[in-house]
C-alpha atoms as a PDB file:
ATOM      1  CA  MET A   1       0.017   0.074  -0.004  1.00  0.00           C
ATOM      2  CA  LEU A   2       1.283   3.466  -0.870  1.00  0.00           C
ATOM      3  CA  THR A   3       2.076   5.981   1.920  1.00  0.00           C
ATOM      4  CA  LYS A   4      -0.740   8.246   0.661  1.00  0.00           C
ATOM      5  CA  GLU A   5      -3.198   5.323   0.818  1.00  0.00           C
ATOM      6  CA  ILE A   6      -2.056   4.272   4.295  1.00  0.00           C
ATOM      7  CA  LEU A   7      -2.566   7.823   5.680  1.00  0.00           C
ATOM      8  CA  GLU A   8      -5.938   8.075   3.977  1.00  0.00           C
ATOM      9  CA  THR A   9      -6.938   4.834   5.661  1.00  0.00           C
ATOM     10  CA  VAL A  10      -5.777   6.088   9.029  1.00  0.00           C
ATOM     11  CA  ARG A  11      -7.653   9.384   8.563  1.00  0.00           C
ATOM     12  CA  GLU A  12     -10.804   7.411   7.635  1.00  0.00           C
ATOM     13  CA  ALA A  13     -10.449   5.293  10.800  1.00  0.00           C
ATOM     14  CA  ILE A  14     -10.215   8.453  12.880  1.00  0.00           C
ATOM     15  CA  ARG A  15     -13.224  10.077  11.194  1.00  0.00           C
ATOM     16  CA  HIS A  16     -15.334   6.919  11.111  1.00  0.00           C
ATOM     17  CA  PRO A  17     -14.298   4.520  13.936  1.00  0.00           C
ATOM     18  CA  PHE A  18     -16.680   1.800  12.896  1.00  0.00           C
ATOM     19  CA  SER A  19     -16.603  -0.271   9.658  1.00  0.00           C
ATOM     20  CA  SER A  20     -19.287   0.181   7.081  1.00  0.00           C
ATOM     21  CA  TYR A  21     -19.936  -3.598   7.169  1.00  0.00           C
ATOM     22  CA  GLY A  22     -21.216  -4.773  10.526  1.00  0.00           C
ATOM     23  CA  CYS A  23     -20.237  -1.614  12.445  1.00  0.00           C
ATOM     24  CA  TYR A  24     -17.109  -3.251  13.873  1.00  0.00           C
ATOM     25  CA  PRO A  25     -14.547  -1.004  15.621  1.00  0.00           C
ATOM     26  CA  VAL A  26     -11.656   0.059  13.375  1.00  0.00           C
ATOM     27  CA  TYR A  27      -8.221   0.741  14.812  1.00  0.00           C
ATOM     28  CA  THR A  28      -4.970   2.186  13.447  1.00  0.00           C
ATOM     29  CA  VAL A  29      -2.282  -0.506  12.995  1.00  0.00           C
ATOM     30  CA  LEU A  30       1.355   0.428  13.491  1.00  0.00           C
ATOM     31  CA  ALA A  31       4.379  -1.135  11.841  1.00  0.00           C
ATOM     32  CA  ASP A  32       5.397  -2.918  15.063  1.00  0.00           C
ATOM     33  CA  GLY A  33       1.997  -4.637  15.145  1.00  0.00           C
ATOM     34  CA  THR A  34       0.383  -2.614  17.881  1.00  0.00           C
ATOM     35  CA  PHE A  35      -3.018  -0.987  17.684  1.00  0.00           C
ATOM     36  CA  LEU A  36      -3.959   2.529  18.479  1.00  0.00           C
ATOM     37  CA  CYS A  37      -7.425   3.566  19.639  1.00  0.00           C
ATOM     38  CA  ARG A  38      -9.232   6.301  17.803  1.00  0.00           C
ATOM     39  CA  THR A  39      -8.464   8.945  20.453  1.00  0.00           C
ATOM     40  CA  CYS A  40      -4.693   8.285  20.456  1.00  0.00           C
ATOM     41  CA  ALA A  41      -4.544   8.104  16.690  1.00  0.00           C
ATOM     42  CA  ARG A  42      -6.367  11.439  16.449  1.00  0.00           C
ATOM     43  CA  GLU A  43      -4.204  13.128  19.092  1.00  0.00           C
ATOM     44  CA  ASN A  44      -0.959  11.774  17.554  1.00  0.00           C
ATOM     45  CA  TYR A  45      -1.887  11.991  13.879  1.00  0.00           C
ATOM     46  CA  ARG A  46       0.912  14.486  13.144  1.00  0.00           C
ATOM     47  CA  GLN A  47       3.563  12.036  14.481  1.00  0.00           C
ATOM     48  CA  ILE A  48       1.926   9.125  12.715  1.00  0.00           C
ATOM     49  CA  SER A  49       1.908  11.129   9.425  1.00  0.00           C
ATOM     50  CA  GLU A  50       5.574  12.218   9.762  1.00  0.00           C
ATOM     51  CA  SER A  51       6.810   8.712  10.582  1.00  0.00           C
ATOM     52  CA  THR A  52       4.766   7.036   7.776  1.00  0.00           C
ATOM     53  CA  ARG A  53       5.779   9.534   5.171  1.00  0.00           C
ATOM     54  CA  HIS A  54       9.507   9.434   6.029  1.00  0.00           C
ATOM     55  CA  ASP A  55       9.530   5.659   6.719  1.00  0.00           C
ATOM     56  CA  CYS A  56      10.760   6.090  10.334  1.00  0.00           C
ATOM     57  CA  ASN A  57      10.787   3.150  12.666  1.00  0.00           C
ATOM     58  CA  ASP A  58      10.187   5.226  15.794  1.00  0.00           C
ATOM     59  CA  GLY A  59       6.976   3.436  16.865  1.00  0.00           C
ATOM     60  CA  TRP A  60       4.549   5.759  15.072  1.00  0.00           C
ATOM     61  CA  LYS A  61       4.736   4.435  11.516  1.00  0.00           C
ATOM     62  CA  ALA A  62       1.318   3.227  10.429  1.00  0.00           C
ATOM     63  CA  ILE A  63       0.714   0.333   8.044  1.00  0.00           C
ATOM     64  CA  GLY A  64      -3.037   0.914   7.864  1.00  0.00           C
ATOM     65  CA  ALA A  65      -6.262   0.566   9.814  1.00  0.00           C
ATOM     66  CA  ASP A  66      -8.312  -2.525  10.296  1.00  0.00           C
ATOM     67  CA  VAL A  67     -10.840  -4.404  12.398  1.00  0.00           C
ATOM     68  CA  LEU A  68      -9.384  -6.643  15.125  1.00  0.00           C
ATOM     69  CA  TRP A  69     -11.470  -9.645  14.225  1.00  0.00           C
ATOM     70  CA  GLU A  70     -10.470 -12.061  17.031  1.00  0.00           C
ATOM     71  CA  THR A  71      -7.612 -12.605  19.402  1.00  0.00           C
ATOM     72  CA  GLU A  72      -6.413 -15.148  21.956  1.00  0.00           C
ATOM     73  CA  ASP A  73      -5.447 -12.516  24.508  1.00  0.00           C
ATOM     74  CA  GLU A  74      -6.739  -8.979  25.251  1.00  0.00           C
ATOM     75  CA  GLU A  75      -5.174  -6.296  23.063  1.00  0.00           C
ATOM     76  CA  TYR A  76      -4.439  -2.844  24.344  1.00  0.00           C
ATOM     77  CA  CYS A  77      -3.831   0.491  22.736  1.00  0.00           C
ATOM     78  CA  GLY A  78      -0.127   0.915  22.258  1.00  0.00           C
ATOM     79  CA  HIS A  79      -0.274   4.485  23.659  1.00  0.00           C
ATOM     80  CA  CYS A  80      -2.914   4.695  26.413  1.00  0.00           C
ATOM     81  CA  ASN A  81      -3.373   0.990  27.288  1.00  0.00           C
ATOM     82  CA  LYS A  82      -7.152   1.165  26.725  1.00  0.00           C
ATOM     83  CA  ILE A  83      -8.594  -2.238  25.819  1.00  0.00           C
ATOM     84  CA  ILE A  84      -8.963  -2.753  22.111  1.00  0.00           C
ATOM     85  CA  GLU A  85     -12.232  -4.576  21.455  1.00  0.00           C
ATOM     86  CA  SER A  86     -12.165  -7.431  18.952  1.00  0.00           C
ATOM     87  CA  ALA A  87     -15.099  -7.977  16.662  1.00  0.00           C
ATOM     88  CA  TYR A  88     -15.681 -11.613  17.729  1.00  0.00           C
ATOM     89  CA  GLY A  89     -14.198 -11.458  21.229  1.00  0.00           C
ATOM     90  CA  ILE A  90     -11.428 -13.469  22.724  1.00  0.00           C
ATOM     91  CA  VAL A  91     -11.016 -16.907  21.145  1.00  0.00           C
ATOM     92  CA  GLU A  92     -10.381 -19.855  23.367  1.00  0.00           C
ATOM     93  CA  LYS A  93      -6.851 -21.077  23.199  1.00  0.00           C
ATOM     94  CA  VAL A  94      -6.351 -24.554  21.863  1.00  0.00           C
ATOM     95  CA  ASN A  95      -5.200 -26.816  24.661  1.00  0.00           C
ATOM     96  CA  PRO A  96      -3.342 -29.818  23.260  1.00  0.00           C
ATOM     97  CA  SER A  97      -3.760 -31.751  26.505  1.00  0.00           C
ATOM     98  CA  LYS A  98      -7.521 -31.881  26.007  1.00  0.00           C
ATOM     99  CA  LYS A  99      -8.734 -35.078  24.354  1.00  0.00           C
ATOM    100  CA  ASP A 100     -10.147 -35.018  20.888  1.00  0.00           C
ATOM    101  CA  HIS A 101     -13.708 -36.294  20.861  1.00  0.00           C
ATOM    102  CA  SER A 102     -14.515 -35.542  17.263  1.00  0.00           C
ATOM    103  CA  ASN A 103     -14.500 -39.099  16.049  1.00  0.00           C
ATOM    104  CA  LYS A 104     -16.189 -40.795  18.928  1.00  0.00           C
ATOM    105  CA  THR A 105     -19.703 -41.989  19.290  1.00  0.00           C
ATOM    106  CA  PHE A 106     -21.885 -40.557  22.038  1.00  0.00           C
ATOM    107  CA  ALA A 107     -21.700 -43.818  23.963  1.00  0.00           C
ATOM    108  CA  GLN A 108     -17.860 -43.766  23.847  1.00  0.00           C
ATOM    109  CA  PHE A 109     -17.839 -40.164  24.998  1.00  0.00           C
ATOM    110  CA  VAL A 110     -20.183 -40.881  27.928  1.00  0.00           C
ATOM    111  CA  GLU A 111     -18.204 -43.982  28.937  1.00  0.00           C
ATOM    112  CA  GLU A 112     -14.887 -42.101  28.865  1.00  0.00           C
ATOM    113  CA  SER A 113     -16.433 -39.252  30.880  1.00  0.00           C
ATOM    114  CA  LEU A 114     -17.681 -41.571  33.576  1.00  0.00           C
ATOM    115  CA  ASP A 115     -14.250 -43.108  34.035  1.00  0.00           C
ATOM    116  CA  VAL A 116     -12.848 -39.877  35.449  1.00  0.00           C
END
């Protein structure tokens, strides 16, 4: 994405903090992978713009704006530590120690559960 398009995307996220599809919250995404809430992106837009235009790796370089669809852990704004809400909430982590019951009959599942 070109620098001009990146900054336009960031400005759009500041002006309209919810997506046009589903009204999901849209956040600014920085080059180091952190998110910025709308308030911090608006208050620091001058720094974001400078860093993005001059390709600086000072923590303010934006790579765009997007919806945080889902996450395994809570995400926080990289500037103010406000919780960044994901569209679908926190996804349960896969625990490899849990037994896989996908290919078992109901009777086998019940029998195994009662053996505990």
